Protein backbone atom coordinates (compact mmCIF):
# COMPACT_ATOMS: atom_id res chain seq x y z
CA MET A 1 104.32 84.46 73.29
CA SER A 2 101.55 87.03 73.74
CA ALA A 3 99.22 84.87 71.62
CA VAL A 4 99.93 81.91 73.90
CA PHE A 5 99.25 84.02 76.97
CA ASP A 6 96.02 85.35 75.49
CA THR A 7 94.86 81.80 74.70
CA LEU A 8 95.63 80.54 78.19
CA THR A 9 93.97 83.57 79.78
CA GLY A 10 90.89 83.14 77.61
CA ASN A 11 90.55 79.51 78.68
CA LEU A 12 90.95 80.53 82.30
CA MET A 13 88.31 83.25 82.22
CA VAL A 14 85.26 81.00 82.38
CA PRO A 15 82.69 80.90 85.22
CA THR A 16 83.48 77.36 86.35
CA ILE A 17 87.17 78.04 87.01
CA LEU A 18 86.53 81.47 88.49
CA PHE A 19 84.00 80.10 90.99
CA PHE A 20 86.62 77.58 92.11
CA VAL A 21 89.07 80.45 92.61
CA LEU A 22 86.40 82.28 94.62
CA GLY A 23 86.08 79.25 96.91
CA LEU A 24 89.85 79.15 97.39
CA LEU A 25 89.95 82.84 98.29
CA ALA A 26 87.04 82.44 100.70
CA ALA A 27 88.90 79.62 102.47
CA PHE A 28 92.16 81.56 102.66
CA VAL A 29 90.46 84.60 104.25
CA ARG A 30 88.57 82.26 106.62
CA SER A 31 85.14 83.28 105.38
CA ASP A 32 82.09 81.56 106.87
CA LEU A 33 80.83 80.84 103.34
CA SER A 34 79.75 77.21 103.08
CA ILE A 35 77.64 74.82 101.02
CA PRO A 36 75.36 72.49 103.04
CA GLU A 37 76.63 68.92 103.02
CA GLY A 38 73.38 67.56 101.62
CA ALA A 39 73.46 70.06 98.75
CA ALA A 40 77.07 69.18 97.94
CA LYS A 41 76.18 65.48 97.85
CA PHE A 42 73.26 66.15 95.54
CA MET A 43 75.42 68.21 93.21
CA SER A 44 78.07 65.50 92.96
CA LEU A 45 75.40 62.89 92.14
CA TYR A 46 73.84 65.21 89.58
CA LEU A 47 77.14 65.89 87.82
CA LEU A 48 78.04 62.21 87.61
CA LEU A 49 74.59 61.37 86.25
CA ALA A 50 74.61 64.21 83.72
CA ILE A 51 78.11 63.68 82.35
CA GLY A 52 77.59 59.91 82.17
CA PHE A 53 74.21 60.16 80.43
CA LYS A 54 75.44 62.73 77.90
CA GLY A 55 78.49 60.59 77.18
CA GLY A 56 76.35 57.51 76.55
CA HIS A 57 74.02 59.49 74.31
CA SER A 58 76.98 60.79 72.32
CA LEU A 59 78.29 57.24 71.89
CA ALA A 60 74.88 56.12 70.62
CA GLU A 61 74.90 58.97 68.09
CA HIS A 62 78.32 58.12 66.67
CA GLY A 63 78.34 54.35 67.14
CA LEU A 64 80.78 51.88 68.69
CA ARG A 65 84.13 52.27 66.95
CA SER A 66 87.67 50.96 67.23
CA GLU A 67 88.68 54.37 68.60
CA LEU A 68 86.77 53.57 71.80
CA VAL A 69 88.76 50.37 72.36
CA MET A 70 92.04 52.16 71.66
CA ALA A 71 91.16 55.02 74.03
CA ILE A 72 90.19 52.65 76.86
CA LEU A 73 93.40 50.67 76.38
CA ALA A 74 95.38 53.92 76.50
CA GLY A 75 93.61 54.88 79.72
CA LEU A 76 94.32 51.49 81.29
CA VAL A 77 98.01 51.69 80.37
CA LEU A 78 98.30 55.17 81.86
CA SER A 79 96.51 54.19 85.05
CA LEU A 80 98.71 51.13 85.53
CA LEU A 81 102.04 52.82 84.76
CA ILE A 82 101.72 56.32 86.23
CA PRO A 83 101.94 55.06 89.86
CA PHE A 84 105.37 53.56 89.12
CA LEU A 85 106.62 56.87 87.73
CA ALA A 86 105.04 58.79 90.61
CA PHE A 87 106.68 56.44 93.12
CA LEU A 88 110.08 56.97 91.48
CA LEU A 89 109.70 60.76 91.52
CA LEU A 90 108.59 60.73 95.15
CA ARG A 91 111.63 58.71 96.18
CA ILE A 92 113.87 61.18 94.34
CA MET A 93 112.16 64.45 95.32
CA THR A 94 111.02 63.67 98.88
CA ARG A 95 111.96 61.71 101.98
CA LEU A 96 108.75 59.70 102.08
CA ASP A 97 109.10 56.07 103.10
CA ALA A 98 108.05 53.38 100.63
CA MET A 99 104.63 52.84 102.22
CA ASN A 100 103.57 56.48 102.03
CA ALA A 101 105.14 56.96 98.61
CA ALA A 102 103.15 53.99 97.27
CA ALA A 103 99.92 55.35 98.75
CA VAL A 104 100.51 58.77 97.18
CA ALA A 105 101.48 57.21 93.84
CA GLY A 106 98.18 55.35 93.65
CA HIS A 107 96.28 58.63 93.88
CA TYR A 108 98.12 60.03 90.86
CA GLY A 109 97.52 56.99 88.69
CA SER A 110 93.79 57.20 89.36
CA ILE A 111 91.54 60.10 88.38
CA SER A 112 89.58 63.04 89.71
CA ILE A 113 86.13 62.83 88.16
CA VAL A 114 85.42 66.44 89.21
CA THR A 115 88.43 67.62 87.21
CA PHE A 116 87.14 65.57 84.27
CA VAL A 117 83.69 67.17 84.54
CA ALA A 118 85.23 70.65 84.74
CA ALA A 119 87.35 69.86 81.67
CA SER A 120 84.29 68.64 79.74
CA SER A 121 82.48 71.86 80.66
CA LEU A 122 85.45 73.93 79.49
CA LEU A 123 85.31 72.20 76.10
CA GLU A 124 81.58 72.85 75.80
CA LEU A 125 81.99 76.50 76.75
CA SER A 126 84.83 76.79 74.21
CA GLY A 127 82.81 75.10 71.45
CA ILE A 128 85.30 72.22 71.07
CA ALA A 129 83.87 68.79 70.24
CA PHE A 130 84.93 65.63 72.06
CA ASP A 131 83.98 61.96 71.97
CA GLY A 132 81.33 60.86 74.45
CA TYR A 133 83.13 57.59 75.04
CA MET A 134 85.78 59.44 77.05
CA VAL A 135 83.41 58.91 80.00
CA ALA A 136 84.07 55.18 79.65
CA VAL A 137 87.80 55.87 79.57
CA ALA A 138 87.50 57.83 82.82
CA ALA A 139 85.64 54.98 84.51
CA SER A 140 88.23 52.43 83.36
CA MET A 141 91.10 54.38 84.96
CA GLU A 142 89.81 54.31 88.55
CA VAL A 143 90.87 50.82 89.66
CA PRO A 144 94.17 49.85 87.90
CA ALA A 145 96.17 52.51 89.75
CA ILE A 146 95.04 51.09 93.10
CA LEU A 147 96.33 47.65 92.09
CA SER A 148 99.66 49.13 91.02
CA ALA A 149 100.01 51.01 94.30
CA LEU A 150 99.36 47.87 96.33
CA TRP A 151 101.94 45.93 94.33
CA ILE A 152 104.51 48.71 94.87
CA ALA A 153 103.78 48.80 98.60
CA SER A 154 104.09 45.03 99.00
CA ARG A 155 107.29 44.95 96.97
CA HIS A 156 109.11 47.90 98.54
CA SER A 157 107.78 48.48 102.04
CA GLY A 158 108.42 45.07 103.54
CA ASP A 159 105.37 45.62 105.78
CA SER A 160 103.31 42.51 106.42
CA SER A 161 100.29 44.68 107.27
CA THR A 162 99.82 45.63 103.63
CA GLY A 163 96.31 44.44 102.99
CA THR A 164 94.02 43.62 100.15
CA ILE A 165 90.84 45.38 99.13
CA PRO A 166 87.64 43.37 98.74
CA ALA A 167 86.45 43.22 95.14
CA ARG A 168 83.30 45.08 96.15
CA GLU A 169 85.38 48.05 97.32
CA LEU A 170 87.12 48.19 93.95
CA PHE A 171 84.28 47.64 91.53
CA ALA A 172 81.19 48.89 93.38
CA ASN A 173 82.48 52.37 94.16
CA GLY A 174 79.43 54.65 94.08
CA SER A 175 80.96 57.30 91.82
CA VAL A 176 82.13 54.81 89.22
CA LEU A 177 78.87 52.85 89.39
CA LEU A 178 76.71 55.94 88.83
CA LEU A 179 78.95 57.28 86.07
CA THR A 180 79.05 54.03 84.11
CA GLY A 181 75.39 53.24 84.80
CA ALA A 182 74.28 56.63 83.48
CA PHE A 183 76.58 56.13 80.48
CA VAL A 184 74.88 52.82 79.64
CA ILE A 185 71.40 54.29 80.12
CA GLY A 186 72.24 57.21 77.83
CA ALA A 187 73.54 54.82 75.17
CA VAL A 188 70.50 52.52 75.42
CA THR A 189 67.79 55.20 75.44
CA GLN A 190 69.49 57.29 72.73
CA ASP A 191 67.66 60.36 71.38
CA ARG A 192 64.37 59.49 73.06
CA GLY A 193 66.01 59.41 76.47
CA MET A 194 67.87 62.65 75.88
CA GLU A 195 64.70 64.40 74.77
CA MET A 196 62.99 63.32 77.99
CA ILE A 197 65.61 64.54 80.45
CA ALA A 198 67.49 67.25 78.52
CA PRO A 199 65.93 70.02 80.65
CA PHE A 200 67.53 68.33 83.68
CA VAL A 201 70.94 67.18 82.42
CA VAL A 202 71.73 69.97 79.93
CA THR A 203 70.24 73.34 80.88
CA PRO A 204 71.23 73.57 84.58
CA PHE A 205 74.57 71.76 84.17
CA VAL A 206 76.99 74.70 84.10
CA GLY A 207 75.25 76.54 86.93
CA ILE A 208 75.32 73.51 89.22
CA LEU A 209 78.96 72.87 88.28
CA CYS A 210 79.81 76.45 89.29
CA LEU A 211 78.27 75.91 92.74
CA PHE A 212 79.98 72.56 93.10
CA LEU A 213 83.38 73.99 92.20
CA LEU A 214 82.82 76.83 94.64
CA ASP A 215 82.39 74.17 97.32
CA MET A 216 85.45 72.29 96.08
CA GLY A 217 87.47 75.48 96.25
CA LEU A 218 86.42 75.92 99.86
CA SER A 219 87.35 72.30 100.66
CA ALA A 220 90.71 72.47 98.88
CA GLY A 221 91.66 75.77 100.50
CA ARG A 222 90.72 74.63 103.99
CA SER A 223 92.51 71.29 103.55
CA LEU A 224 95.66 73.08 102.46
CA ALA A 225 95.48 75.52 105.36
CA ALA A 226 94.86 72.80 107.94
CA ASN A 227 97.59 70.43 106.71
CA ARG A 228 100.24 72.82 105.40
CA HIS A 229 102.63 71.62 108.11
CA MET A 230 102.84 68.27 106.27
CA LEU A 231 104.01 69.88 103.03
CA ASN A 232 107.73 70.40 102.65
CA ALA A 233 109.26 71.84 99.50
CA GLY A 234 109.79 68.42 97.92
CA LEU A 235 106.20 67.26 98.43
CA PHE A 236 104.74 70.55 97.26
CA SER A 237 106.93 70.48 94.14
CA PHE A 238 105.83 66.93 93.42
CA GLY A 239 102.19 68.02 93.62
CA LEU A 240 102.88 70.45 90.77
CA VAL A 241 105.35 68.45 88.69
CA MET A 242 103.41 65.17 88.65
CA PRO A 243 100.22 66.45 86.98
CA ILE A 244 102.24 68.06 84.19
CA THR A 245 104.21 64.84 83.77
CA GLY A 246 101.02 62.79 83.62
CA ALA A 247 99.47 65.20 81.13
CA MET A 248 102.46 64.89 78.82
CA LEU A 249 102.25 61.10 78.95
CA GLY A 250 98.56 61.38 78.09
CA TRP A 251 99.42 63.77 75.24
CA ALA A 252 102.01 61.37 73.81
CA LEU A 253 99.78 58.30 74.00
CA GLY A 254 96.63 60.10 72.86
CA SER A 255 98.45 61.63 69.89
CA ALA A 256 99.81 58.21 68.96
CA ILE A 257 96.31 56.70 68.72
CA GLY A 258 94.95 59.69 66.81
CA LEU A 259 92.63 61.37 69.32
CA GLN A 260 91.26 64.72 68.21
CA THR A 261 91.79 67.92 70.23
CA GLY A 262 88.85 67.62 72.62
CA SER A 263 89.33 63.94 73.42
CA LEU A 264 93.10 64.32 73.58
CA PHE A 265 92.65 67.12 76.10
CA LEU A 266 90.37 64.92 78.24
CA LEU A 267 92.89 62.06 78.22
CA MET A 268 95.58 64.51 79.30
CA VAL A 269 93.35 65.74 82.12
CA LEU A 270 92.64 62.19 83.28
CA ALA A 271 96.36 61.38 83.30
CA ALA A 272 97.14 64.63 85.14
CA SER A 273 94.51 64.40 87.85
CA ALA A 274 94.74 62.75 91.26
CA SER A 275 91.96 60.95 93.10
CA TYR A 276 90.75 62.32 96.43
CA ILE A 277 87.59 60.21 96.83
CA ALA A 278 87.88 56.58 95.68
CA VAL A 279 91.59 55.97 96.25
CA PRO A 280 91.74 57.44 99.79
CA ALA A 281 88.92 55.09 100.77
CA ALA A 282 90.83 52.16 99.29
CA MET A 283 94.13 53.15 100.91
CA ARG A 284 92.51 53.37 104.34
CA ILE A 285 91.63 49.69 104.00
CA ALA A 286 94.72 48.33 102.26
CA LEU A 287 97.48 50.60 103.63
CA PRO A 288 96.20 51.68 107.05
CA LYS A 289 99.66 52.82 108.20
CA ALA A 290 100.01 55.35 105.38
CA GLU A 291 99.50 58.98 106.41
CA SER A 292 96.15 60.12 105.02
CA GLY A 293 97.05 63.75 105.73
CA ILE A 294 99.89 63.52 103.20
CA TYR A 295 98.08 61.98 100.26
CA LEU A 296 94.85 63.93 100.78
CA THR A 297 96.66 67.25 101.12
CA LEU A 298 98.69 66.61 97.99
CA SER A 299 95.79 65.47 95.83
CA LEU A 300 93.08 67.82 97.09
CA GLY A 301 95.11 70.76 98.44
CA VAL A 302 97.84 71.06 95.81
CA THR A 303 97.21 69.14 92.57
CA PHE A 304 93.45 69.70 92.31
CA PRO A 305 93.66 73.53 92.61
CA PHE A 306 96.63 73.58 90.22
CA ASN A 307 94.78 71.54 87.61
CA ILE A 308 91.57 73.56 87.82
CA THR A 309 93.17 77.01 87.70
CA VAL A 310 96.33 76.52 85.63
CA GLY A 311 96.39 72.97 84.31
CA LEU A 312 93.15 72.92 82.31
CA PRO A 313 93.97 76.00 80.19
CA LEU A 314 97.56 74.75 79.74
CA TYR A 315 96.53 71.23 78.73
CA LEU A 316 93.90 72.54 76.31
CA TRP A 317 96.51 74.71 74.63
CA LEU A 318 98.97 71.81 74.42
CA ALA A 319 96.29 69.45 73.06
CA GLY A 320 96.10 71.62 69.96
CA PHE A 321 99.58 70.46 69.00
CA GLY A 322 98.80 66.76 69.21
CA ALA A 323 95.56 66.57 67.31
């Protein structure tokens, strides 16, 4: 047991996670620490570009293999099915109506790209290899969960106001577009492209990620403090139980298709994370009567901090048993 604890503690004691914790603490003590909005936007764009480009370059190095197709199919299955499980758990654990439960469920079937980036950084800091094509898996998991959530809402809520989302809103999301575009550019330009921009996408990556996670810690802490009145025991418990449940589904499916430790860990992280950018925007259009304070507080204020501080070290340790 002490060896397990030492492993988890070692994975936790990295700058990226600790800067997130610092942001949380600053928010809880009501510090005036802040990151300018423009700087935060730049950092998010930088991280998406860097992780996408490096993933594409890695794919070009190792070639297009059947493992990529299997991993993307696994991601699609998880993204489609997790909302149904999340909806069932919400109906059992909470008193949410069908409309709000469907909206929340969609967030948990989709992904948090920031959690994915933090997980990739943890692997790099730990010296654990992973497949670059996992970036493509992350991009493929953004939309299916939204479709599942809308189907659940239309089937169970009986609300005629349940809307549809224009195709542009689903497939032209800025985060997904930049991530996949950078991935393609990295794959096309290969070693020559990496040589040209390595000083930009490699050297400053961890430092910028630390600043970005500091800002995310501030945002998560302040969101939790401002909306804590919306969290009863059932909802809070769901925000902790669901990521672990998703991670175990990712572990089972990833192990079945033969993913190695690093890639298995990333699939677990994708299955465990909850969207707080793309899906909220979609839900505001399609399910306008759903309470945004509930699904944003759960995804950003509960699940995101749990995944960054406790989940990532736990999932990395568990991934060692499946690969």
